[in-house]
Amino acid sequence: MHYLEPSLSFANQYPGLAYIMVFLTALAESALLAGMIVPGGIMVFAFAAMVATGQLALWPVLLMAIAGAMAGDSLGYWLGYRSRSSHAQ
């Protein structure tokens, strides 16, 4: 998991931006086909470990993960709806 080290060290240095990383990770994993490319499950596990060690607070991580997943699902739905309507014409 050496490819996660830069992201985790960045989150460790800038905990405020780590919450944005949680949001973007959840968004990218939930968006259309991006879940195959982005190792979202591993990143969320790493953020959970940062919560367990006290580097991040639990509630902001949960709220950002939920908001990112909802935004990613909505984006995937919107892209699918838009591409379907353009192919139907």
C-alpha atoms as a PDB file:
ATOM      1  CA  MET A   1       0.000   0.000   0.000  1.00  0.00           C
ATOM      2  CA  HIS A   2       2.892   2.316  -0.704  1.00  0.00           C
ATOM      3  CA  TYR A   3       0.703   4.322  -3.104  1.00  0.00           C
ATOM      4  CA  LEU A   4      -1.353   5.581  -0.136  1.00  0.00           C
ATOM      5  CA  GLU A   5       1.597   7.007   1.777  1.00  0.00           C
ATOM      6  CA  PRO A   6       1.614  10.459   0.104  1.00  0.00           C
ATOM      7  CA  SER A   7      -2.105  10.923   0.744  1.00  0.00           C
ATOM      8  CA  LEU A   8      -1.903   9.794   4.339  1.00  0.00           C
ATOM      9  CA  SER A   9       1.159  11.877   5.131  1.00  0.00           C
ATOM     10  CA  PHE A  10      -0.589  14.904   3.607  1.00  0.00           C
ATOM     11  CA  ALA A  11      -3.668  14.218   5.744  1.00  0.00           C
ATOM     12  CA  ASN A  12      -1.434  13.861   8.777  1.00  0.00           C
ATOM     13  CA  GLN A  13       0.258  17.224   8.129  1.00  0.00           C
ATOM     14  CA  TYR A  14      -2.972  19.074   7.294  1.00  0.00           C
ATOM     15  CA  PRO A  15      -5.822  17.536   9.300  1.00  0.00           C
ATOM     16  CA  GLY A  16      -8.263  20.243   8.199  1.00  0.00           C
ATOM     17  CA  LEU A  17      -7.809  19.270   4.580  1.00  0.00           C
ATOM     18  CA  ALA A  18      -8.120  15.592   5.487  1.00  0.00           C
ATOM     19  CA  TYR A  19     -11.864  16.071   5.853  1.00  0.00           C
ATOM     20  CA  ILE A  20     -12.005  17.357   2.279  1.00  0.00           C
ATOM     21  CA  MET A  21     -10.013  14.290   1.235  1.00  0.00           C
ATOM     22  CA  VAL A  22     -12.618  12.097   2.951  1.00  0.00           C
ATOM     23  CA  PHE A  23     -15.356  13.853   0.959  1.00  0.00           C
ATOM     24  CA  LEU A  24     -13.486  13.559  -2.346  1.00  0.00           C
ATOM     25  CA  THR A  25     -12.600   9.910  -1.729  1.00  0.00           C
ATOM     26  CA  ALA A  26     -16.222   9.003  -1.027  1.00  0.00           C
ATOM     27  CA  LEU A  27     -17.371  11.039  -4.030  1.00  0.00           C
ATOM     28  CA  ALA A  28     -14.884   9.418  -6.391  1.00  0.00           C
ATOM     29  CA  GLU A  29     -15.682   5.925  -5.176  1.00  0.00           C
ATOM     30  CA  SER A  30     -19.426   6.450  -5.551  1.00  0.00           C
ATOM     31  CA  ALA A  31     -19.330   8.160  -8.941  1.00  0.00           C
ATOM     32  CA  LEU A  32     -19.890   6.246 -12.137  1.00  0.00           C
ATOM     33  CA  LEU A  33     -17.127   3.628 -12.657  1.00  0.00           C
ATOM     34  CA  ALA A  34     -14.636   5.642 -10.605  1.00  0.00           C
ATOM     35  CA  GLY A  35     -14.910   3.097  -7.807  1.00  0.00           C
ATOM     36  CA  MET A  36     -12.907   0.703  -9.942  1.00  0.00           C
ATOM     37  CA  ILE A  37     -10.022   3.159 -10.205  1.00  0.00           C
ATOM     38  CA  VAL A  38      -9.991   4.870  -6.816  1.00  0.00           C
ATOM     39  CA  PRO A  39      -9.086   2.667  -3.822  1.00  0.00           C
ATOM     40  CA  GLY A  40     -11.847   4.228  -1.766  1.00  0.00           C
ATOM     41  CA  GLY A  41     -12.351   1.370   0.658  1.00  0.00           C
ATOM     42  CA  ILE A  42      -8.698   1.337   1.605  1.00  0.00           C
ATOM     43  CA  MET A  43      -8.618   5.123   1.979  1.00  0.00           C
ATOM     44  CA  VAL A  44     -11.733   5.107   4.172  1.00  0.00           C
ATOM     45  CA  PHE A  45     -10.121   2.413   6.325  1.00  0.00           C
ATOM     46  CA  ALA A  46      -7.021   4.605   6.629  1.00  0.00           C
ATOM     47  CA  PHE A  47      -9.145   7.599   7.642  1.00  0.00           C
ATOM     48  CA  ALA A  48     -10.894   5.394  10.213  1.00  0.00           C
ATOM     49  CA  ALA A  49      -7.491   4.492  11.631  1.00  0.00           C
ATOM     50  CA  MET A  50      -6.701   8.208  11.872  1.00  0.00           C
ATOM     51  CA  VAL A  51      -9.945   8.662  13.817  1.00  0.00           C
ATOM     52  CA  ALA A  52      -8.991   5.811  16.140  1.00  0.00           C
ATOM     53  CA  THR A  53      -5.609   7.403  16.856  1.00  0.00           C
ATOM     54  CA  GLY A  54      -7.186  10.794  17.540  1.00  0.00           C
ATOM     55  CA  GLN A  55      -5.753  12.590  14.490  1.00  0.00           C
ATOM     56  CA  LEU A  56      -9.251  13.201  13.100  1.00  0.00           C
ATOM     57  CA  ALA A  57     -12.612  13.660  14.795  1.00  0.00           C
ATOM     58  CA  LEU A  58     -15.297  11.030  14.223  1.00  0.00           C
ATOM     59  CA  TRP A  59     -18.354  13.145  13.408  1.00  0.00           C
ATOM     60  CA  PRO A  60     -16.773  15.357  10.729  1.00  0.00           C
ATOM     61  CA  VAL A  61     -15.323  12.235   9.049  1.00  0.00           C
ATOM     62  CA  LEU A  62     -18.728  10.542   9.068  1.00  0.00           C
ATOM     63  CA  LEU A  63     -20.520  13.623   7.776  1.00  0.00           C
ATOM     64  CA  MET A  64     -17.987  14.213   4.999  1.00  0.00           C
ATOM     65  CA  ALA A  65     -18.051  10.545   3.957  1.00  0.00           C
ATOM     66  CA  ILE A  66     -21.859  10.513   3.845  1.00  0.00           C
ATOM     67  CA  ALA A  67     -21.999  13.801   1.933  1.00  0.00           C
ATOM     68  CA  GLY A  68     -19.358  12.611  -0.539  1.00  0.00           C
ATOM     69  CA  ALA A  69     -21.133   9.304  -1.134  1.00  0.00           C
ATOM     70  CA  MET A  70     -24.457  11.073  -1.684  1.00  0.00           C
ATOM     71  CA  ALA A  71     -22.860  13.571  -4.070  1.00  0.00           C
ATOM     72  CA  GLY A  72     -21.094  10.767  -5.964  1.00  0.00           C
ATOM     73  CA  ASP A  73     -24.291   8.740  -6.276  1.00  0.00           C
ATOM     74  CA  SER A  74     -26.168  11.807  -7.480  1.00  0.00           C
ATOM     75  CA  LEU A  75     -23.434  12.604  -9.987  1.00  0.00           C
ATOM     76  CA  GLY A  76     -23.449   9.032 -11.316  1.00  0.00           C
ATOM     77  CA  TYR A  77     -27.242   9.082 -11.605  1.00  0.00           C
ATOM     78  CA  TRP A  78     -27.198  12.454 -13.357  1.00  0.00           C
ATOM     79  CA  LEU A  79     -24.512  11.331 -15.825  1.00  0.00           C
ATOM     80  CA  GLY A  80     -26.423   8.132 -16.567  1.00  0.00           C
ATOM     81  CA  TYR A  81     -29.704   9.978 -16.983  1.00  0.00           C
ATOM     82  CA  ARG A  82     -28.090  12.549 -19.243  1.00  0.00           C
ATOM     83  CA  SER A  83     -26.339   9.969 -21.421  1.00  0.00           C
ATOM     84  CA  ARG A  84     -29.498   7.842 -21.644  1.00  0.00           C
ATOM     85  CA  SER A  85     -31.633  10.787 -22.712  1.00  0.00           C
ATOM     86  CA  SER A  86     -29.091  11.805 -25.365  1.00  0.00           C
ATOM     87  CA  HIS A  87     -28.964   8.235 -26.750  1.00  0.00           C
ATOM     88  CA  ALA A  88     -32.749   7.903 -26.784  1.00  0.00           C
ATOM     89  CA  GLN A  89     -33.178  10.818 -29.175  1.00  0.00           C
END
